[in-house]
Protein backbone atom coordinates (compact mmCIF):
# COMPACT_ATOMS: atom_id res chain seq x y z
CA MET A 1 -48.85 -12.54 -16.32
CA ASP A 2 -47.24 -10.33 -18.95
CA GLU A 3 -43.74 -9.45 -17.71
CA GLU A 4 -41.21 -7.23 -19.39
CA LEU A 5 -38.41 -9.10 -21.11
CA PRO A 6 -34.84 -8.29 -20.05
CA GLU A 7 -32.84 -6.38 -22.65
CA GLU A 8 -30.56 -9.36 -23.30
CA THR A 9 -33.56 -11.61 -23.97
CA GLU A 10 -35.09 -8.94 -26.21
CA ARG A 11 -31.89 -8.72 -28.24
CA LYS A 12 -31.86 -12.49 -28.69
CA ILE A 13 -35.45 -12.41 -29.94
CA GLN A 14 -34.58 -9.64 -32.40
CA VAL A 15 -31.62 -11.65 -33.71
CA LYS A 16 -33.98 -14.54 -34.37
CA ASN A 17 -36.54 -12.16 -35.87
CA PRO A 18 -34.54 -9.50 -37.74
CA LYS A 19 -37.75 -8.08 -39.20
CA ASN A 20 -38.85 -6.81 -35.76
CA LEU A 21 -37.87 -3.29 -34.74
CA SER A 22 -35.73 -2.87 -31.66
CA SER A 23 -36.70 -0.48 -28.86
CA LYS A 24 -34.02 1.94 -30.07
CA GLN A 25 -35.36 1.84 -33.63
CA ARG A 26 -38.91 2.44 -32.45
CA GLY A 27 -37.70 5.33 -30.33
CA GLN A 28 -35.93 6.86 -33.33
CA LEU A 29 -39.09 6.55 -35.43
CA PHE A 30 -41.13 8.35 -32.77
CA LYS A 31 -38.45 11.05 -32.54
CA ILE A 32 -38.55 11.66 -36.30
CA ALA A 33 -42.36 11.59 -36.36
CA PHE A 34 -42.76 14.11 -33.53
CA ARG A 35 -40.14 16.42 -35.02
CA ASN A 36 -42.09 16.40 -38.28
CA TYR A 37 -45.35 16.98 -36.41
CA ILE A 38 -43.91 20.02 -34.63
CA ASP A 39 -42.62 21.42 -37.93
CA LEU A 40 -46.03 20.91 -39.57
CA VAL A 41 -47.84 22.60 -36.67
CA SER A 42 -45.47 25.56 -37.01
CA VAL A 43 -46.01 25.73 -40.79
CA ALA A 44 -49.79 25.63 -40.37
CA ASP A 45 -49.73 28.42 -37.77
CA LYS A 46 -47.49 30.59 -39.95
CA LYS A 47 -49.75 30.12 -42.96
CA ALA A 48 -52.82 30.96 -40.88
CA GLY A 49 -51.10 34.06 -39.49
CA LEU A 50 -50.14 35.20 -42.99
CA LEU A 51 -53.71 34.79 -44.23
CA ILE A 52 -55.04 36.76 -41.26
CA GLN A 53 -52.61 39.64 -41.88
CA VAL A 54 -53.19 39.84 -45.64
CA ASN A 55 -56.96 39.67 -45.39
CA SER A 56 -57.06 42.17 -42.53
CA ILE A 57 -55.31 44.65 -44.84
CA VAL A 58 -57.78 43.84 -47.64
CA VAL A 59 -60.75 44.42 -45.33
CA THR A 60 -59.27 47.72 -44.10
CA ILE A 61 -58.71 48.97 -47.65
CA GLY A 62 -62.20 47.87 -48.69
CA TYR A 63 -63.77 49.61 -45.70
CA GLY A 64 -61.90 52.82 -46.57
CA PHE A 65 -63.17 52.53 -50.14
CA PHE A 66 -66.79 52.34 -48.96
CA ILE A 67 -66.38 55.37 -46.68
CA LYS A 68 -64.65 57.67 -49.15
CA THR A 69 -66.46 56.72 -52.36
CA THR A 70 -69.74 58.39 -53.21
CA GLU A 71 -71.24 56.29 -55.95
CA ASN A 72 -74.88 56.46 -56.99
CA ASN A 73 -74.80 53.09 -58.73
CA TYR A 74 -74.56 50.58 -55.89
CA LEU A 75 -73.63 47.79 -58.30
CA ASN A 76 -70.19 49.36 -58.55
CA TYR A 77 -69.64 48.43 -54.91
CA LEU A 78 -70.23 44.75 -55.68
CA PRO A 79 -66.62 43.71 -56.56
CA VAL A 80 -65.20 45.24 -53.39
CA ALA A 81 -68.03 43.79 -51.31
CA ILE A 82 -67.39 40.29 -52.67
CA ILE A 83 -63.66 40.52 -51.93
CA MET A 84 -64.34 41.86 -48.43
CA VAL A 85 -66.80 39.08 -47.61
CA GLY A 86 -64.32 36.51 -48.92
CA SER A 87 -61.58 38.05 -46.78
CA LEU A 88 -63.73 38.01 -43.64
CA ILE A 89 -64.60 34.34 -44.16
CA THR A 90 -60.92 33.60 -44.80
CA ILE A 91 -59.97 35.30 -41.53
CA PHE A 92 -62.59 33.24 -39.70
CA PHE A 93 -61.24 29.89 -40.92
CA SER A 94 -57.64 31.04 -40.42
CA VAL A 95 -58.39 31.83 -36.79
CA LEU A 96 -59.97 28.38 -36.40
CA ALA A 97 -56.80 26.85 -37.86
CA SER A 98 -54.49 28.72 -35.49
CA LYS A 99 -56.49 28.69 -32.27
CA PRO A 100 -55.51 26.28 -29.49
CA ARG A 101 -57.91 23.40 -29.02
CA ARG A 102 -58.79 21.28 -26.03
CA ASN A 103 -57.64 17.69 -25.85
CA ASP A 104 -60.87 15.77 -26.40
CA LEU A 105 -59.41 12.26 -26.74
CA ASN A 106 -61.32 9.83 -24.54
CA TYR A 107 -58.29 7.81 -23.54
CA ILE A 108 -58.10 6.08 -20.17
CA ASN A 109 -55.09 4.09 -19.07
CA ALA A 110 -53.99 2.60 -15.77
CA VAL A 111 -53.17 5.96 -14.20
CA ASP A 112 -55.64 8.03 -16.24
CA LYS A 113 -53.05 10.68 -17.12
CA GLU A 114 -51.40 12.14 -20.17
CA PHE A 115 -47.70 12.68 -19.67
CA PHE A 116 -46.38 13.70 -23.06
CA PHE A 117 -47.12 16.82 -25.06
CA PHE A 118 -44.78 16.48 -28.04
CA GLY A 119 -45.98 19.11 -30.47
CA SER A 120 -49.43 19.08 -28.89
CA PHE A 121 -48.77 22.35 -27.07
CA ASP A 122 -51.53 23.41 -29.40
CA ARG A 123 -54.03 21.49 -27.28
CA LEU A 124 -55.18 23.06 -24.05
CA ASP A 125 -55.39 21.14 -20.79
CA SER A 126 -57.46 23.37 -18.52
CA ASN A 127 -56.98 21.10 -15.50
CA PHE A 128 -53.19 21.06 -15.59
CA LYS A 129 -52.91 24.48 -13.95
CA ASN A 130 -54.21 22.89 -10.74
CA VAL A 131 -51.52 20.18 -10.65
CA SER A 132 -48.65 20.75 -8.20
CA TRP A 133 -45.01 20.14 -9.05
CA ASP A 134 -44.67 17.40 -6.40
CA LYS A 135 -47.62 15.48 -7.78
CA TYR A 136 -46.46 15.83 -11.37
CA SER A 137 -42.86 14.81 -10.61
CA ASN A 138 -44.01 11.79 -8.57
CA ASP A 139 -46.36 10.71 -11.36
CA MET A 140 -43.56 10.99 -13.91
CA LYS A 141 -41.17 8.99 -11.72
CA GLN A 142 -43.74 6.24 -11.31
CA PHE A 143 -44.44 6.26 -15.01
CA PHE A 144 -40.79 5.86 -16.00
CA LYS A 145 -40.52 2.92 -13.64
CA GLY A 146 -43.13 1.16 -15.75
CA ARG A 147 -42.71 -1.17 -18.67
CA LYS A 148 -41.56 -0.15 -22.13
CA LYS A 149 -44.87 -0.99 -23.73
CA GLU A 150 -46.62 1.50 -21.40
CA VAL A 151 -44.22 4.23 -22.53
CA PHE A 152 -44.78 3.34 -26.19
CA ALA A 153 -48.54 3.33 -25.56
CA GLU A 154 -48.28 6.93 -24.33
CA LEU A 155 -46.23 7.88 -27.38
CA LEU A 156 -48.78 6.27 -29.68
CA LYS A 157 -51.58 8.16 -27.96
CA GLU A 158 -49.69 11.43 -28.32
CA SER A 159 -48.95 10.71 -31.97
CA PHE A 160 -52.66 10.16 -32.55
CA ASN A 161 -53.53 13.42 -30.77
CA VAL A 162 -51.07 15.51 -32.75
CA ARG A 163 -52.19 14.03 -36.07
CA LYS A 164 -55.80 14.87 -35.18
CA VAL A 165 -54.75 18.46 -34.47
CA LEU A 166 -52.84 18.66 -37.76
CA SER A 167 -55.79 17.23 -39.67
CA LYS A 168 -58.11 19.94 -38.31
CA LYS A 169 -55.57 22.70 -38.90
CA PHE A 170 -54.93 21.85 -42.53
CA THR A 171 -58.62 21.25 -43.20
CA TYR A 172 -59.42 24.79 -42.02
CA LEU A 173 -56.42 26.16 -43.95
CA SER A 174 -57.58 24.45 -47.13
CA ILE A 175 -61.02 26.02 -46.76
CA ALA A 176 -59.47 29.43 -46.02
CA TYR A 177 -57.30 29.35 -49.15
CA LYS A 178 -60.19 28.23 -51.34
CA VAL A 179 -62.42 31.01 -50.01
CA PHE A 180 -59.64 33.59 -50.39
CA PHE A 181 -58.89 32.78 -54.03
CA GLY A 182 -62.58 32.26 -54.78
CA GLY A 183 -63.40 35.71 -53.40
CA LEU A 184 -60.62 37.32 -55.44
CA PHE A 185 -61.73 35.54 -58.59
CA LEU A 186 -65.41 36.46 -58.18
CA GLY A 187 -64.52 40.04 -57.25
CA MET A 188 -62.34 40.50 -60.33
CA LEU A 189 -64.91 38.78 -62.53
CA SER A 190 -67.73 41.02 -61.29
CA PHE A 191 -65.51 44.08 -61.80
CA ILE A 192 -64.82 43.08 -65.43
CA VAL A 193 -68.50 42.37 -66.08
CA LEU A 194 -69.60 45.69 -64.58
CA TYR A 195 -66.87 47.66 -66.35
CA TYR A 196 -67.64 46.31 -69.80
CA GLY A 197 -71.38 46.38 -69.08
CA ASN A 198 -71.25 50.09 -68.28
CA TYR A 199 -69.00 50.69 -71.29
CA ILE A 200 -71.46 48.98 -73.64
CA LEU A 201 -74.44 50.83 -72.17
CA LYS A 202 -72.68 54.14 -72.68
């Protein structure tokens, strides 16, 4: 039967094996990792919010241009249309990057619960609203009476969850930035082509 080693015995083992991390060192590593995860989640959300604001302004200006401009040659609308389409697609992926997402990790442990939410406030748990305070506090008390490896297993699971969230966020952000700059480039390129094309024809 796998029993938890007393702290004194654990220290003796670590003296014999100095390459092994102590419980305190492992705890510090998790603390640093989760602090970095939270900072990265905040950075991703701020970037997504900035993209949404900027492109919303671009779409508004473009829409006003279409309403107020009376142009017989519809090709002259092409640069603005390209930029507007690029901005709308950018907004779409920025919203995907910033929206909360459900925890879809199929993880089952002895109590079938997830206790920690370090930085993963971004993931929704639709069932948690039905949990009472008494049940939650009792579950937490029982959990903290458990062995260290069970606590570290929960921390590892949470670390995995947050990294999955970050991966999705920055993937969507990368797509949003590429579409945004691609739309601007194509819009400006089409404007230059149309301008010099009309100038040559005249």
